[in-house]
Amino acid sequence: MINLYQRFPVTIERAQGAIIWDTSGKEYIDCMGGYGVAIIGHCNKDVINAITLQINKVMVCHMSTYNDSRLQFLSRLKSIAPENLNKIFFSNSGAESIEAALKFSRKFSQKSGMISMYGGYHGKTFGALSVTYSSKYRKSFIPLLEGIKFVPFGDISSLIDAIDETIGTVILEPIQGESGIIMPPDGYVKAVREICNEKKLVLIFDEIQTGLGRTGKMWAGQNWNAVPDIMCIAKGVAAGVPAGVTFVKDEISKCMNLGEHSSTFAGNPIACSAGSATIDTIIKEDLVRKAADTGTYFKKKLVELKEKHPIVRDVRGMGMMLALESRFDVRDLLMDGIKNGLLMLYSGRTVIRLLPPLVMDKTQVSRAIEIMDEILSFEEKRRNVKN
């Protein structure tokens, strides 16, 4: 394989719910969740049954023909879609859903200029990378799309100042994930919506990491009563089967002509069957409410760790999208977590990012907190940090 991924020293053999086992049989509490993919937990039985049933019917069905699995998934998606986002484009990943959104917006607005945010992350394909902020991802591939401006996340005045006659689109994550679970200031997301209304700009919400209950609402935008013109989702929408979805307002969808955008694998019947079972599970198991409840408990316990450990700089997040920021590099904490049966993510050098399955219960959260308490204490001793 090309060396492109930061690797953890774990070889995963099987998983169930919020627990993973490696090839030696060692058990781990999963606060990584496949980078936020395992929202309904690993190896959900209803998803497995849906996939198995579909595999025995048909595995390949291009969008040029019809399929009941796809129709069922469309129905499920429309039942949970934000108001007026009633047109759907299928793809195979988050980056692809962003690429579609950028093309739809650009054609509808007839303007090439776009505004994205400092710290924004939207993927690494060329269009998505063009609206991704970090220079470490961008610098080797310049020139990217022209006409992209970046403004500070949370700063309405800077957004207003950046808008000129070239700008047709604003794109943001309601809560920034890759940058370290950065929360928007109160009123910010709603204010962006109002400005886009006033200036007649297309507003895209990247809900790839925040959507499908992660923040304690079905969509993160609901936390601020804000509905975009286009919304992108992926990650856990098909419980681990590759899938992306771009929701679009009807008037925007009508600007696109036959053949102007497509994907060979879009709307694959296996992915659609998995997607329908995923949405059914979210609703049936009340996972949005559970994410809010368990996430509140998890954050409370993380705040207690902050009060106990001077090495902890900050705790932030919402629902089951949480972060613990350290005063030092977190690599050793991540490795110590693995040694002690806890898988965690990182954002940059100093942030531990937690994206556990929404099915994780409070007993599992409590055990994760116990492990974090132990490894934070060990790190403080290692760095000679005094209480």
Protein backbone atom coordinates (compact mmCIF):
# COMPACT_ATOMS: atom_id res chain seq x y z
CA MET A 1 0.00 0.00 0.00
CA ILE A 2 1.06 3.60 -0.58
CA ASN A 3 2.13 5.12 2.73
CA LEU A 4 -0.66 7.68 3.18
CA TYR A 5 -2.28 6.81 6.50
CA GLN A 6 -1.27 7.37 10.11
CA ARG A 7 -1.47 3.83 11.47
CA PHE A 8 -2.30 2.55 14.95
CA PRO A 9 -0.67 -0.67 16.23
CA VAL A 10 -3.94 -2.64 16.32
CA THR A 11 -5.04 -5.44 13.99
CA ILE A 12 -8.82 -5.63 14.29
CA GLU A 13 -10.45 -9.01 13.86
CA ARG A 14 -14.06 -8.45 14.89
CA ALA A 15 -16.37 -5.89 16.46
CA GLN A 16 -19.84 -5.62 17.96
CA GLY A 17 -21.69 -2.54 19.15
CA ALA A 18 -19.11 -0.25 20.74
CA ILE A 19 -16.50 -2.97 21.35
CA ILE A 20 -13.63 -4.13 19.14
CA TRP A 21 -11.39 -7.20 19.49
CA ASP A 22 -7.94 -7.61 17.97
CA THR A 23 -6.41 -10.79 16.58
CA SER A 24 -5.12 -11.79 20.02
CA GLY A 25 -8.61 -11.49 21.53
CA LYS A 26 -7.88 -8.26 23.40
CA GLU A 27 -10.96 -6.07 23.89
CA TYR A 28 -11.14 -2.33 23.22
CA ILE A 29 -13.79 0.30 23.90
CA ASP A 30 -14.20 2.07 20.57
CA CYS A 31 -14.16 5.85 20.83
CA MET A 32 -12.75 6.03 17.30
CA GLY A 33 -15.79 4.58 15.58
CA GLY A 34 -13.96 4.18 12.27
CA TYR A 35 -13.52 7.98 12.20
CA GLY A 36 -17.19 8.49 12.99
CA VAL A 37 -18.58 5.83 10.64
CA ALA A 38 -19.89 3.32 13.19
CA ILE A 39 -22.79 5.48 14.35
CA ILE A 40 -25.20 2.59 14.97
CA GLY A 41 -22.42 0.36 16.30
CA HIS A 42 -20.42 -2.37 14.65
CA CYS A 43 -22.07 -5.34 12.94
CA ASN A 44 -25.67 -4.28 13.51
CA LYS A 45 -27.77 -7.38 12.91
CA ASP A 46 -30.51 -5.59 10.96
CA VAL A 47 -27.92 -4.09 8.60
CA ILE A 48 -26.25 -7.48 8.14
CA ASN A 49 -29.62 -9.06 7.34
CA ALA A 50 -30.49 -6.29 4.88
CA ILE A 51 -27.15 -6.61 3.10
CA THR A 52 -27.38 -10.41 2.98
CA LEU A 53 -30.89 -10.29 1.54
CA GLN A 54 -29.87 -7.76 -1.10
CA ILE A 55 -26.70 -9.63 -2.11
CA ASN A 56 -28.86 -12.64 -2.90
CA LYS A 57 -31.09 -10.50 -5.16
CA VAL A 58 -28.85 -8.10 -7.11
CA MET A 59 -25.51 -6.45 -6.36
CA VAL A 60 -25.10 -4.19 -9.40
CA CYS A 61 -27.72 -1.76 -10.63
CA HIS A 62 -26.61 1.43 -12.40
CA MET A 63 -28.63 4.61 -11.92
CA SER A 64 -29.81 4.30 -15.52
CA THR A 65 -32.16 1.54 -14.34
CA TYR A 66 -34.56 1.40 -11.40
CA ASN A 67 -34.29 -0.62 -8.19
CA ASP A 68 -36.58 -1.10 -5.19
CA SER A 69 -33.69 -0.96 -2.71
CA ARG A 70 -32.78 2.51 -3.98
CA LEU A 71 -36.40 3.65 -3.88
CA GLN A 72 -36.74 2.47 -0.29
CA PHE A 73 -33.55 4.33 0.72
CA LEU A 74 -34.78 7.51 -0.98
CA SER A 75 -37.99 7.25 1.02
CA ARG A 76 -36.08 6.81 4.28
CA LEU A 77 -33.79 9.75 3.53
CA LYS A 78 -36.66 12.06 2.63
CA SER A 79 -38.40 11.14 5.88
CA ILE A 80 -35.51 12.58 7.92
CA ALA A 81 -34.31 15.33 5.54
CA PRO A 82 -34.35 18.96 6.68
CA GLU A 83 -37.22 21.08 5.42
CA ASN A 84 -37.20 21.77 1.66
CA LEU A 85 -34.13 19.62 0.97
CA ASN A 86 -36.20 17.26 -1.11
CA LYS A 87 -33.84 16.34 -3.96
CA ILE A 88 -31.08 13.78 -3.50
CA PHE A 89 -27.86 12.82 -5.28
CA PHE A 90 -26.15 9.55 -4.39
CA SER A 91 -22.38 9.07 -4.33
CA ASN A 92 -19.86 6.88 -2.55
CA SER A 93 -18.08 9.04 0.02
CA GLY A 94 -18.05 12.34 1.86
CA ALA A 95 -15.63 13.97 -0.55
CA GLU A 96 -17.82 12.95 -3.49
CA SER A 97 -20.90 14.41 -1.81
CA ILE A 98 -18.98 17.69 -1.42
CA GLU A 99 -17.83 17.66 -5.06
CA ALA A 100 -21.45 17.33 -6.14
CA ALA A 101 -22.54 20.15 -3.83
CA LEU A 102 -19.88 22.51 -5.17
CA LYS A 103 -20.86 21.81 -8.78
CA PHE A 104 -24.58 22.21 -8.10
CA SER A 105 -24.01 25.48 -6.26
CA ARG A 106 -21.65 26.90 -8.84
CA LYS A 107 -24.00 26.21 -11.72
CA PHE A 108 -27.05 27.53 -9.86
CA SER A 109 -25.36 30.73 -8.66
CA GLN A 110 -23.43 31.27 -11.92
CA LYS A 111 -20.58 32.50 -9.69
CA SER A 112 -17.24 30.74 -9.19
CA GLY A 113 -16.33 32.43 -5.90
CA MET A 114 -16.82 30.51 -2.66
CA ILE A 115 -16.22 31.24 1.02
CA SER A 116 -15.01 28.53 3.37
CA MET A 117 -13.76 28.72 6.95
CA TYR A 118 -10.42 28.74 8.71
CA GLY A 119 -10.09 25.21 10.02
CA GLY A 120 -12.68 23.86 7.60
CA TYR A 121 -12.20 20.31 6.34
CA HIS A 122 -14.25 18.95 3.44
CA GLY A 123 -12.10 16.22 1.86
CA LYS A 124 -9.04 15.74 -0.31
CA THR A 125 -10.35 15.44 -3.87
CA PHE A 126 -9.59 18.58 -5.88
CA GLY A 127 -12.83 20.49 -5.36
CA ALA A 128 -13.21 19.45 -1.74
CA LEU A 129 -9.54 20.21 -1.11
CA SER A 130 -10.02 23.67 -2.59
CA VAL A 131 -12.43 24.54 0.24
CA THR A 132 -10.35 22.74 2.90
CA TYR A 133 -8.23 25.16 4.91
CA SER A 134 -5.12 23.33 6.12
CA SER A 135 -2.00 24.11 4.11
CA LYS A 136 -0.53 20.67 4.92
CA TYR A 137 -3.19 19.13 2.68
CA ARG A 138 -3.23 21.90 0.03
CA LYS A 139 0.36 22.98 -0.54
CA SER A 140 1.52 20.10 -2.77
CA PHE A 141 -1.46 20.42 -5.12
CA ILE A 142 -1.68 24.13 -5.85
CA PRO A 143 -3.18 25.55 -8.03
CA LEU A 144 -6.59 24.40 -6.86
CA LEU A 145 -9.97 25.95 -7.71
CA GLU A 146 -9.75 29.71 -8.10
CA GLY A 147 -11.91 32.21 -6.27
CA ILE A 148 -11.91 30.53 -2.85
CA LYS A 149 -11.76 32.78 0.21
CA PHE A 150 -11.26 31.65 3.79
CA VAL A 151 -12.60 33.56 6.79
CA PRO A 152 -12.40 32.91 10.54
CA PHE A 153 -15.00 30.39 11.75
CA GLY A 154 -17.36 32.19 14.11
CA ASP A 155 -16.62 35.71 12.87
CA ILE A 156 -19.70 37.14 11.14
CA SER A 157 -18.04 40.47 10.33
CA SER A 158 -15.24 38.75 8.42
CA LEU A 159 -17.79 36.75 6.45
CA ILE A 160 -19.71 39.88 5.49
CA ASP A 161 -16.49 41.67 4.49
CA ALA A 162 -15.46 38.76 2.22
CA ILE A 163 -18.67 38.79 0.19
CA ASP A 164 -18.38 40.53 -3.18
CA GLU A 165 -19.89 40.15 -6.65
CA THR A 166 -17.80 37.03 -7.37
CA ILE A 167 -19.13 35.00 -4.41
CA GLY A 168 -21.99 32.56 -4.92
CA THR A 169 -21.44 29.98 -2.16
CA VAL A 170 -20.67 29.66 1.54
CA ILE A 171 -19.66 26.25 2.90
CA LEU A 172 -19.14 25.25 6.52
CA GLU A 173 -19.28 22.46 9.06
CA PRO A 174 -21.76 23.45 11.80
CA ILE A 175 -19.20 22.02 14.24
CA GLN A 176 -15.68 21.68 12.90
CA GLY A 177 -14.46 18.10 13.27
CA GLU A 178 -10.99 17.65 11.80
CA SER A 179 -9.82 20.89 13.42
CA GLY A 180 -10.57 19.60 16.91
CA ILE A 181 -14.32 19.75 17.56
CA ILE A 182 -14.55 23.53 17.31
CA MET A 183 -17.94 24.81 18.43
CA PRO A 184 -19.55 27.81 16.75
CA PRO A 185 -20.32 30.87 18.90
CA ASP A 186 -23.94 31.26 19.98
CA GLY A 187 -26.04 32.58 17.12
CA TYR A 188 -23.32 32.17 14.50
CA VAL A 189 -24.78 29.35 12.38
CA LYS A 190 -28.19 31.05 12.28
CA ALA A 191 -26.56 34.37 11.39
CA VAL A 192 -24.70 32.76 8.47
CA ARG A 193 -28.03 31.43 7.20
CA GLU A 194 -29.57 34.91 7.41
CA ILE A 195 -26.65 36.54 5.60
CA CYS A 196 -26.83 33.98 2.80
CA ASN A 197 -30.55 34.70 2.49
CA GLU A 198 -29.91 38.42 2.34
CA LYS A 199 -27.07 38.18 -0.19
CA LYS A 200 -28.73 35.39 -2.21
CA LEU A 201 -25.82 32.99 -1.65
CA VAL A 202 -26.04 29.20 -1.64
CA LEU A 203 -25.31 27.83 1.84
CA ILE A 204 -23.79 24.34 2.05
CA PHE A 205 -23.63 22.47 5.35
CA ASP A 206 -21.06 19.71 5.52
CA GLU A 207 -22.77 17.33 7.96
CA ILE A 208 -20.56 14.37 7.05
CA GLN A 209 -19.24 14.11 10.61
CA THR A 210 -21.99 15.92 12.52
CA GLY A 211 -25.09 14.39 10.92
CA LEU A 212 -27.36 11.43 11.69
CA GLY A 213 -27.69 12.06 15.41
CA ARG A 214 -24.04 12.58 16.29
CA THR A 215 -24.66 15.90 18.10
CA GLY A 216 -27.92 14.89 19.81
CA LYS A 217 -30.04 16.19 16.93
CA MET A 218 -30.61 14.39 13.65
CA TRP A 219 -28.73 17.25 11.95
CA ALA A 220 -26.30 19.57 13.71
CA GLY A 221 -27.91 22.57 12.02
CA GLN A 222 -31.05 21.86 14.04
CA ASN A 223 -29.18 22.90 17.19
CA TRP A 224 -29.35 26.46 15.85
CA ASN A 225 -32.57 26.24 13.79
CA ALA A 226 -30.62 26.63 10.57
CA VAL A 227 -31.39 24.81 7.32
CA PRO A 228 -28.92 25.00 4.41
CA ASP A 229 -29.62 25.03 0.69
CA ILE A 230 -27.44 21.96 0.16
CA MET A 231 -26.37 19.40 2.78
CA CYS A 232 -23.74 16.68 2.50
CA ILE A 233 -23.66 13.46 4.51
CA ALA A 234 -21.68 10.22 4.36
CA LYS A 235 -19.65 8.31 7.00
CA GLY A 236 -22.23 6.23 8.87
CA VAL A 237 -25.19 6.66 6.51
CA ALA A 238 -24.85 3.01 5.39
CA ALA A 239 -23.23 1.64 8.57
CA GLY A 240 -19.82 1.23 6.94
CA VAL A 241 -20.79 0.42 3.36
CA PRO A 242 -19.35 3.29 1.26
CA ALA A 243 -22.06 5.84 0.52
CA GLY A 244 -22.51 9.59 0.25
CA VAL A 245 -25.65 11.68 -0.07
CA THR A 246 -26.11 15.28 -1.20
CA PHE A 247 -29.47 16.85 -0.26
CA VAL A 248 -30.47 19.75 -2.49
CA LYS A 249 -33.30 22.26 -2.65
CA ASP A 250 -35.61 21.68 -5.58
CA GLU A 251 -34.85 24.99 -7.32
CA ILE A 252 -31.10 24.25 -7.23
CA SER A 253 -31.52 20.71 -8.55
CA LYS A 254 -33.44 22.02 -11.56
CA CYS A 255 -30.38 23.90 -12.86
CA MET A 256 -28.60 20.61 -13.64
CA ASN A 257 -28.94 18.97 -17.03
CA LEU A 258 -28.97 15.29 -17.87
CA GLY A 259 -25.46 13.81 -17.68
CA GLU A 260 -23.76 16.85 -16.11
CA HIS A 261 -22.90 14.86 -13.00
CA SER A 262 -23.00 11.13 -12.31
CA SER A 263 -21.25 8.18 -10.67
CA THR A 264 -21.00 4.54 -11.77
CA PHE A 265 -21.54 3.16 -8.27
CA ALA A 266 -24.04 5.77 -7.03
CA GLY A 267 -27.18 4.28 -5.53
CA ASN A 268 -25.68 0.80 -5.37
CA PRO A 269 -28.41 -1.57 -4.09
CA ILE A 270 -26.21 -3.03 -1.34
CA ALA A 271 -25.35 0.44 -0.01
CA CYS A 272 -29.00 1.49 -0.27
CA SER A 273 -30.21 -1.57 1.65
CA ALA A 274 -27.61 -0.91 4.35
CA GLY A 275 -28.65 2.75 4.40
CA SER A 276 -32.34 1.98 4.90
CA ALA A 277 -31.52 -0.40 7.75
CA THR A 278 -29.25 2.23 9.29
CA ILE A 279 -31.95 4.90 9.32
CA ASP A 280 -34.50 2.40 10.63
CA THR A 281 -32.10 1.55 13.48
CA ILE A 282 -31.51 5.21 14.35
CA ILE A 283 -35.27 5.74 14.63
CA LYS A 284 -36.20 2.40 16.25
CA GLU A 285 -33.45 2.56 18.90
CA ASP A 286 -33.97 6.29 19.54
CA LEU A 287 -30.28 6.90 18.94
CA VAL A 288 -30.59 10.67 18.48
CA ARG A 289 -31.99 11.06 21.99
CA LYS A 290 -29.47 8.52 23.34
CA ALA A 291 -26.61 10.48 21.77
CA ALA A 292 -27.80 13.60 23.58
CA ASP A 293 -28.23 11.80 26.89
CA THR A 294 -25.07 9.67 26.84
CA GLY A 295 -23.09 12.54 25.34
CA THR A 296 -24.11 14.84 28.20
CA TYR A 297 -22.91 12.22 30.67
CA PHE A 298 -19.67 11.68 28.75
CA LYS A 299 -18.91 15.40 28.59
CA LYS A 300 -19.66 15.81 32.32
CA LYS A 301 -17.13 13.09 33.11
CA LEU A 302 -14.56 14.66 30.77
CA VAL A 303 -15.01 17.99 32.55
CA GLU A 304 -14.33 16.19 35.84
CA LEU A 305 -11.09 14.88 34.34
CA LYS A 306 -10.18 18.44 33.35
CA GLU A 307 -10.75 19.61 36.92
CA LYS A 308 -8.55 16.80 38.23
CA HIS A 309 -5.72 16.88 35.68
CA PRO A 310 -3.76 20.09 34.98
CA ILE A 311 -2.53 18.54 31.73
CA VAL A 312 -6.03 19.01 30.27
CA ARG A 313 -6.51 22.42 28.68
CA ASP A 314 -10.12 22.14 27.47
CA VAL A 315 -13.14 19.89 27.00
CA ARG A 316 -15.70 20.69 24.30
CA GLY A 317 -18.29 19.24 21.99
CA MET A 318 -21.92 18.23 21.80
CA GLY A 319 -23.66 14.86 21.93
CA MET A 320 -21.25 12.08 21.01
CA MET A 321 -18.86 14.43 19.21
CA LEU A 322 -16.39 15.40 21.90
CA ALA A 323 -12.81 16.55 22.38
CA LEU A 324 -10.27 16.72 25.17
CA GLU A 325 -7.46 19.16 24.48
CA SER A 326 -4.11 18.53 26.16
CA ARG A 327 -1.36 21.01 26.94
CA PHE A 328 1.05 18.57 25.27
CA ASP A 329 1.26 16.25 22.28
CA VAL A 330 -1.34 13.48 22.64
CA ARG A 331 0.50 10.71 20.81
CA ASP A 332 1.61 8.97 24.00
CA LEU A 333 -1.91 9.24 25.40
CA LEU A 334 -3.31 7.53 22.30
CA MET A 335 -0.74 4.74 22.52
CA ASP A 336 -1.35 4.31 26.28
CA GLY A 337 -5.07 4.16 25.56
CA ILE A 338 -4.48 1.28 23.14
CA LYS A 339 -2.37 -0.54 25.72
CA ASN A 340 -5.22 -0.19 28.20
CA GLY A 341 -8.06 -1.17 25.86
CA LEU A 342 -9.30 2.22 24.60
CA LEU A 343 -9.26 3.40 20.99
CA MET A 344 -9.34 7.17 20.49
CA LEU A 345 -8.77 9.63 17.64
CA TYR A 346 -6.70 12.79 17.38
CA SER A 347 -7.09 16.21 15.80
CA GLY A 348 -3.71 17.77 15.23
CA ARG A 349 -1.04 17.36 17.89
CA THR A 350 -2.89 18.25 21.08
CA VAL A 351 -6.53 17.18 20.75
CA ILE A 352 -8.08 13.80 21.51
CA ARG A 353 -11.20 13.46 19.38
CA LEU A 354 -13.98 11.11 20.49
CA LEU A 355 -16.51 9.83 17.92
CA PRO A 356 -17.94 6.70 19.58
CA PRO A 357 -20.90 4.70 18.26
CA LEU A 358 -24.19 6.23 19.40
CA VAL A 359 -25.09 2.85 20.93
CA MET A 360 -22.32 3.17 23.54
CA ASP A 361 -23.87 2.98 27.00
CA LYS A 362 -22.96 4.83 30.19
CA THR A 363 -21.21 1.78 31.67
CA GLN A 364 -18.87 1.74 28.68
CA VAL A 365 -18.42 5.51 28.91
CA SER A 366 -17.53 5.16 32.61
CA ARG A 367 -14.90 2.54 31.80
CA ALA A 368 -13.48 4.76 29.04
CA ILE A 369 -13.25 7.62 31.55
CA GLU A 370 -11.46 5.34 34.06
CA ILE A 371 -8.87 4.47 31.42
CA MET A 372 -8.46 8.12 30.43
CA ASP A 373 -8.01 9.03 34.10
CA GLU A 374 -5.26 6.42 34.42
CA ILE A 375 -3.38 7.41 31.29
CA LEU A 376 -3.64 11.14 32.09
CA SER A 377 -2.13 10.46 35.52
CA PHE A 378 0.67 8.46 33.91
CA GLU A 379 1.31 11.22 31.36
CA GLU A 380 1.55 13.81 34.13
CA LYS A 381 4.12 11.69 35.92
CA ARG A 382 6.03 11.19 32.68
CA ARG A 383 6.10 14.96 32.10
CA ASN A 384 6.58 15.81 35.78
CA VAL A 385 3.39 17.86 35.86
CA LYS A 386 2.24 18.62 39.42
CA ASN A 387 -1.36 19.00 40.58
